[in-house]
Each structure stands twice: as structure tokens, then as C-alpha cells.
Protein backbone atom coordinates (compact mmCIF):
# COMPACT_ATOMS: atom_id res chain seq x y z
CA MET A 1 25.66 -34.84 -36.36
CA ILE A 2 23.30 -31.91 -35.77
CA SER A 3 20.28 -34.02 -36.76
CA LEU A 4 21.30 -36.75 -34.31
CA LYS A 5 21.76 -34.16 -31.54
CA ILE A 6 18.30 -32.68 -32.17
CA LEU A 7 16.75 -36.15 -32.08
CA CYS A 8 18.39 -36.86 -28.70
CA ILE A 9 17.27 -33.49 -27.34
CA LEU A 10 13.69 -33.95 -28.47
CA THR A 11 13.60 -37.45 -27.01
CA PHE A 12 14.84 -36.12 -23.66
CA PHE A 13 12.35 -33.30 -23.31
CA ASN A 14 9.37 -35.22 -24.64
CA SER A 15 9.90 -38.35 -22.57
CA THR A 16 7.81 -38.10 -19.41
CA ALA A 17 6.72 -41.06 -17.37
CA GLY A 18 4.60 -40.79 -14.28
CA PHE A 19 1.73 -42.14 -12.22
CA LEU A 20 -1.04 -40.58 -10.19
CA CYS A 21 -0.80 -39.73 -6.49
CA GLU A 22 -3.37 -38.66 -3.94
CA CYS A 23 -3.24 -34.89 -3.54
CA SER A 24 -4.50 -32.78 -0.62
CA GLY A 25 -3.52 -30.01 1.78
CA PHE A 26 -2.47 -26.35 1.46
CA GLY A 27 -5.63 -25.55 -0.49
CA LEU A 28 -4.76 -27.97 -3.30
CA ASN A 29 -7.65 -28.88 -5.55
CA CYS A 30 -6.85 -32.02 -7.53
CA PRO A 31 -9.68 -34.54 -7.00
CA ASP A 32 -8.29 -36.82 -9.71
CA GLY A 33 -4.81 -36.78 -8.20
CA CYS A 34 -1.55 -35.26 -9.42
CA GLU A 35 0.92 -36.82 -11.83
CA ALA A 36 4.18 -37.84 -10.19
CA GLY A 37 7.43 -37.83 -12.07
CA SER A 38 9.14 -39.94 -9.39
CA TYR A 39 7.29 -40.41 -6.10
CA CYS A 40 4.08 -39.89 -4.15
CA PHE A 41 4.40 -38.52 -0.63
CA SER A 42 2.41 -37.98 2.55
CA THR A 43 3.25 -35.70 5.48
CA TRP A 44 1.92 -36.34 8.97
CA ILE A 45 1.94 -34.31 12.20
CA LEU A 46 3.73 -36.70 14.54
CA ARG A 47 2.14 -35.31 17.72
CA ASN A 48 -1.40 -36.33 16.82
CA GLY A 49 -0.88 -38.54 13.77
CA GLY A 50 -2.96 -36.22 11.61
CA LEU A 51 -2.42 -36.08 7.86
CA LYS A 52 -1.06 -32.67 6.82
CA GLU A 53 -0.42 -33.03 3.10
CA GLN A 54 -0.39 -35.49 0.19
CA GLY A 55 1.08 -34.95 -3.23
CA CYS A 56 3.65 -35.64 -5.93
CA LYS A 57 7.41 -35.30 -5.89
CA THR A 58 9.68 -35.18 -8.93
CA THR A 59 13.39 -35.69 -8.31
CA ARG A 60 16.48 -37.33 -9.78
CA ALA A 61 17.36 -38.82 -6.36
CA ASP A 62 16.79 -42.43 -5.26
CA LEU A 63 14.75 -41.71 -2.15
CA LEU A 64 13.73 -45.26 -1.34
CA ALA A 65 17.33 -46.38 -0.77
CA ASP A 66 18.00 -44.37 2.41
CA ARG A 67 15.51 -41.49 2.54
CA GLN A 68 12.09 -43.12 2.45
CA CYS A 69 10.99 -41.15 5.50
CA GLN A 70 12.36 -37.96 7.08
CA THR A 71 11.38 -35.85 10.05
CA ASN A 72 12.22 -32.42 11.44
CA ARG A 73 12.18 -30.49 14.72
CA LYS A 74 8.63 -29.28 14.06
CA GLY A 75 7.30 -32.80 14.45
CA LEU A 76 6.49 -33.42 10.78
CA VAL A 77 7.19 -36.77 9.11
CA THR A 78 7.20 -37.19 5.34
CA CYS A 79 7.40 -40.56 3.58
CA VAL A 80 7.52 -41.43 -0.12
CA CYS A 81 6.42 -44.36 -2.29
CA ASN A 82 6.50 -45.00 -6.03
CA THR A 83 3.40 -46.77 -7.29
CA GLU A 84 -0.02 -45.59 -8.46
CA LYS A 85 -1.79 -43.67 -5.63
CA CYS A 86 0.37 -45.46 -3.07
CA ASN A 87 -0.03 -42.52 -0.67
CA GLY A 88 -3.73 -43.19 -0.06
CA GLN A 89 -5.47 -43.71 3.28
CA SER A 90 -3.72 -47.03 3.87
CA PHE A 91 -0.27 -45.45 3.55
CA THR A 92 1.36 -45.09 6.97
CA ILE A 93 4.79 -44.52 8.45
CA PRO A 94 6.62 -47.88 8.13
CA SER A 95 7.17 -49.53 11.52
CA ASP A 96 10.78 -50.42 10.73
CA ILE A 97 11.83 -46.87 9.80
CA SER A 98 14.28 -45.13 12.13
CA LEU A 99 13.43 -41.43 12.33
CA THR A 100 16.30 -39.17 13.38
CA VAL A 101 15.76 -35.46 13.89
CA PRO A 102 18.77 -33.46 12.59
CA PRO A 103 20.53 -31.23 15.16
CA THR A 104 19.28 -27.66 15.58
CA ILE A 105 21.97 -25.05 14.95
CA LYS A 106 22.42 -21.25 14.96
CA CYS A 107 22.82 -19.39 11.68
CA PHE A 108 23.41 -15.83 10.54
CA ASN A 109 20.06 -14.23 9.88
CA GLY A 110 20.35 -11.47 7.31
CA ASP A 111 23.51 -9.68 8.40
CA LEU A 112 26.79 -10.94 9.94
CA ILE A 113 26.06 -9.94 13.53
CA GLU A 114 26.17 -13.10 15.63
CA ASN A 115 23.59 -11.70 18.05
CA ASN A 116 21.17 -11.58 15.12
CA PHE A 117 20.75 -15.30 14.56
CA CYS A 118 18.06 -17.83 13.83
CA PHE A 119 17.59 -21.51 14.66
CA GLY A 120 17.15 -24.29 12.14
CA HIS A 121 18.40 -27.65 10.97
CA TYR A 122 20.38 -25.92 8.23
CA CYS A 123 21.82 -22.53 7.39
CA THR A 124 21.05 -20.97 4.01
CA TYR A 125 22.87 -18.49 1.80
CA SER A 126 21.82 -16.97 -1.51
CA GLY A 127 23.08 -14.09 -3.58
CA GLU A 128 23.65 -12.85 -7.08
CA VAL A 129 27.11 -12.80 -8.66
CA ILE A 130 28.67 -11.53 -11.88
CA LEU A 131 30.09 -13.96 -14.43
CA ASN A 132 32.65 -12.62 -16.87
CA ASP A 133 33.70 -14.01 -20.25
CA PHE A 134 36.56 -15.97 -18.65
CA GLY A 135 34.28 -17.95 -16.33
CA ASP A 136 35.27 -16.01 -13.20
CA ILE A 137 32.67 -15.62 -10.44
CA LEU A 138 32.77 -12.04 -9.13
CA PRO A 139 30.80 -10.43 -6.28
CA SER A 140 27.97 -8.04 -7.08
CA SER A 141 26.36 -5.15 -5.24
CA TYR A 142 23.07 -6.98 -4.79
CA PRO A 143 22.06 -7.95 -1.23
CA ILE A 144 22.92 -11.37 0.20
CA TYR A 145 20.22 -13.39 1.93
CA ARG A 146 21.11 -15.53 4.94
CA GLY A 147 18.81 -17.54 7.14
CA CYS A 148 17.69 -20.93 8.43
CA ALA A 149 15.78 -23.87 7.00
CA ASP A 150 13.64 -26.64 8.45
CA ASP A 151 12.87 -28.56 5.29
CA GLU A 152 10.12 -31.13 5.49
CA TYR A 153 11.99 -33.25 2.96
CA ASN A 154 15.50 -33.15 1.48
CA ASP A 155 15.84 -34.43 -2.04
CA ASP A 156 17.96 -33.59 -5.06
CA LEU A 157 18.82 -29.87 -5.02
CA ASN A 158 17.66 -29.65 -1.40
CA SER A 159 20.65 -31.81 -0.46
CA VAL A 160 22.62 -30.64 2.58
CA ASN A 161 26.17 -29.23 2.37
CA VAL A 162 25.85 -28.19 -1.25
CA CYS A 163 26.25 -24.93 -3.14
CA THR A 164 24.80 -24.42 -6.60
CA LEU A 165 25.21 -21.73 -9.23
CA SER A 166 22.15 -21.35 -11.45
CA ASN A 167 22.90 -18.72 -14.08
CA SER A 168 24.09 -15.91 -11.78
CA ILE A 169 22.45 -17.00 -8.51
CA ILE A 170 24.46 -18.84 -5.84
CA THR A 171 22.46 -20.89 -3.32
CA CYS A 172 24.01 -22.80 -0.42
CA LYS A 173 22.75 -25.03 2.36
CA CYS A 174 25.01 -26.26 5.19
CA ASN A 175 24.61 -27.85 8.62
CA THR A 176 27.25 -26.42 10.93
CA PRO A 177 26.75 -23.33 13.16
CA PHE A 178 27.07 -19.99 11.33
CA CYS A 179 28.26 -21.72 8.14
CA ASN A 180 26.37 -19.19 5.99
CA ARG A 181 28.76 -16.26 6.39
CA ASP A 182 29.95 -16.84 2.80
CA PRO A 183 29.26 -19.52 0.20
CA ALA A 184 30.17 -22.65 2.17
CA PHE A 185 31.72 -24.58 -0.73
CA PRO A 186 33.52 -23.52 -3.94
CA ILE A 187 31.62 -24.05 -7.19
CA PRO A 188 33.69 -24.95 -10.26
CA LEU A 189 31.87 -24.16 -13.50
CA GLY A 190 30.96 -27.14 -15.65
CA ASN A 191 31.90 -27.40 -19.32
CA VAL A 192 28.48 -27.99 -20.89
CA LEU A 193 27.42 -25.10 -23.16
CA CYS A 194 23.81 -24.00 -22.58
CA PHE A 195 21.33 -21.48 -23.89
CA MET A 196 20.47 -18.86 -21.26
CA SER A 197 17.27 -16.83 -21.29
CA SER A 198 14.64 -15.45 -18.96
CA SER A 199 10.88 -15.59 -19.29
CA TYR A 200 10.99 -11.82 -18.75
CA THR A 201 12.75 -11.37 -22.09
CA ASP A 202 12.33 -12.52 -25.68
CA SER A 203 13.01 -16.26 -25.66
CA SER A 204 13.60 -16.71 -29.38
CA THR A 205 16.53 -19.10 -29.74
CA LYS A 206 18.56 -16.74 -31.96
CA ALA A 207 18.43 -14.05 -29.26
CA LEU A 208 19.61 -16.22 -26.39
CA LYS A 209 22.85 -15.76 -24.53
CA TYR A 210 25.02 -18.66 -23.43
CA CYS A 211 26.45 -20.01 -20.20
CA ARG A 212 28.39 -23.08 -19.08
CA GLY A 213 27.58 -25.51 -16.31
CA HIS A 214 27.45 -29.16 -15.36
CA LEU A 215 23.88 -29.26 -16.72
CA CYS A 216 21.55 -27.21 -18.91
CA TYR A 217 18.00 -26.63 -17.75
CA LYS A 218 14.68 -25.57 -19.20
CA LEU A 219 11.47 -24.52 -17.45
CA PRO A 220 7.93 -24.89 -18.85
CA THR A 221 6.77 -22.15 -21.22
CA ASP A 222 4.75 -19.54 -19.34
CA GLU A 223 1.35 -18.09 -20.27
CA ASP A 224 3.04 -15.47 -22.46
CA GLY A 225 4.80 -18.14 -24.50
CA LYS A 226 8.23 -17.42 -22.99
CA THR A 227 10.68 -19.90 -21.52
CA SER A 228 13.47 -19.66 -18.97
CA ARG A 229 16.67 -21.59 -19.70
CA GLY A 230 20.12 -21.67 -18.22
CA CYS A 231 22.89 -23.70 -16.71
CA LEU A 232 23.55 -25.29 -13.32
CA SER A 233 26.92 -25.90 -11.68
CA VAL A 234 27.29 -27.68 -8.33
CA SER A 235 30.00 -27.63 -5.68
CA ASP A 236 32.68 -30.30 -5.38
CA GLY A 237 31.61 -33.20 -3.21
CA ALA A 238 27.91 -32.75 -4.02
CA PRO A 239 25.85 -35.92 -4.57
CA GLU A 240 26.36 -37.30 -8.08
CA GLU A 241 22.60 -37.20 -8.68
CA LEU A 242 22.86 -33.42 -8.92
CA LYS A 243 24.79 -33.81 -12.18
CA LYS A 244 22.36 -36.29 -13.76
CA SER A 245 19.95 -35.52 -16.57
CA GLY A 246 16.31 -35.74 -15.60
CA THR A 247 13.51 -33.76 -13.99
CA TYR A 248 13.45 -31.98 -10.65
CA ARG A 249 10.20 -30.22 -9.77
CA PHE A 250 9.51 -28.06 -12.84
CA PHE A 251 13.11 -28.12 -14.11
CA LYS A 252 14.23 -30.37 -16.94
CA TYR A 253 17.98 -31.00 -16.95
CA CYS A 254 20.22 -32.36 -19.70
CA ASN A 255 23.99 -32.70 -20.09
CA GLN A 256 24.82 -32.10 -23.76
CA ASP A 257 25.85 -28.84 -25.41
CA LEU A 258 22.81 -26.64 -26.24
CA CYS A 259 20.37 -29.38 -25.24
CA ASN A 260 17.95 -26.84 -23.71
CA GLY A 261 17.14 -25.11 -27.02
CA ASP A 262 13.72 -24.13 -28.26
CA PHE A 263 12.14 -26.79 -30.45
CA ALA A 264 10.21 -24.71 -32.91
CA GLU A 265 9.54 -25.90 -36.43
CA ASN A 266 12.85 -24.47 -37.58
CA ALA A 267 14.76 -25.35 -34.39
CA MET A 268 17.27 -27.54 -36.23
CA ASP A 269 18.34 -24.66 -38.49
CA LEU A 270 18.51 -22.22 -35.56
CA ILE A 271 20.65 -24.47 -33.38
CA LYS A 272 22.88 -25.43 -36.31
CA GLU A 273 23.44 -21.72 -37.01
CA ASP A 274 24.24 -21.03 -33.35
CA VAL A 275 26.68 -23.95 -33.16
CA GLU A 276 28.48 -22.72 -36.28
CA ASN A 277 28.70 -19.17 -34.88
CA ILE A 278 30.16 -20.42 -31.59
CA THR A 279 32.69 -22.58 -33.43
CA LYS A 280 33.93 -19.55 -35.36
CA THR A 281 34.56 -17.50 -32.20
């Protein structure tokens, strides 16, 4: 059973499929293009039709179904496509696309004084919490960050009216006035057991802590050879794509117990030992 699990895990993290996209803007230097995990995109300034940015987008969401193009109050339009370098010079805003600018709302900006507000399409909330051994989410003494967002494109974890818990960080995004007083939606913890580590600490598998969520995640190994891992839980009513295995930006998500382990030469023995230890407790 352990050998089969390791095979599935290795297959998940080693399976990457992509294509090249044109890449420009914001000082990017990729003359040969960037490798897309899901889509290519282009962003234009609607006022003068000028091209602002081109690049790659990796997401678990199906953007072509109903989100091929999006716009915001700043006059930016972003569209996606999903073939080799499809965002080249000939790529334009489709003539049959209906562009709707989301309403602009007021949000708490920093503190809870309504006279201290900001404007945006969405309100944001983020803060650190304490998780105990019983799965309870408790407040911490760390500061809470509130503000506004005018995203150029909403996809996957940028979905609106969603709260997520990633390890001990709660992040929320909502679209009604002053909805960021507190976390806008409750977040039930998922039941998938995950390794949890930070790139700021020793990332040897035997030394990792554990957490539970709807998904496990793993980030690329940094220049010091360390890897961040953890778990992600999402609020009720969130899009189902947020609970799917796959890749989002630099995150790789999977939905089996301990699927975000470290695949060293002796990874099978390490994970088997950890599973046995957890079973005994």
C-alpha cells in the first residue's frame, strides 16, 4: 500500500504539461517565452488599446468557459487562451465578449473605523490564527490586515467570496461593502493529513509537523535546498475547483494523506515510518 501511494505521489508531482507563451511587461526578460501550465494571457489598457503585459497563467480553473476576458475599474482588460504562443501580436479582445466592470465598494482599510475606508471591487482580509490539537481555530495577537483589491484577473484562489486557511494564515476576499470586518465565511478544516514545514526551517521529512486540510501543497525547493509544505482548507460554498489537485501559480496541490512529502532517495522509508507513528497515536 505504501509503495502504491509513493508511486501516485511521484506521478503527481513529476507530471507537468505546458506550452510556451509570449512574455513581456513589468521588466520581464524571457525572449524565448514562458512555459504555461494552463493558459497564456495578454493585458491591454482599454483607453488607448496599448498592450500592458503578456505572460503565463497556471490555474486549476476552467477560464475559457465563462472567464475568457475580464476587466476592472482601472480600464485594464485581460484575456486568456490555451495554445502555443496564442497571445502573440495577432491576439486581440474577442469581438463577441461582454465586458462587465464589477461594482466599486467601500471596505475597511486597516482598522475598523468606517471613516478610514478604501475603494475597490473587493474587500480583503488576512490574519494569522492559532490551531490547536483539536482542530479549533483560535485568534492570535498578530495584526489583521484589511484593505481593497482591484485584481486584473480572478482565477482559482483569487475567486470572490471565498476564505482560505493555509497553515495558520486566513485570507478572505468578498464583494459587499465593509465585508472585511471579520473573516467573511467560516472555514471548516478538511480531513486530508499533510506534512507542514517552512523554507525557513529544516525541511527534512522526519522533522516535519502535520496539519489537516482539504488539500496538501508543496512549493518549489528554494536556493538553500529547503521546501515549504502545508495544507489548505477553503470555506463552504467556494468553487469546487479550489479543492482539486493540480497546480496554481507555484503551488502544487494534492488530495491524499501525506502526498506532499519529500521525495529523497529514502523517501519511501521515511513516509512509511511517519505513517506508522501517526497510526500509533
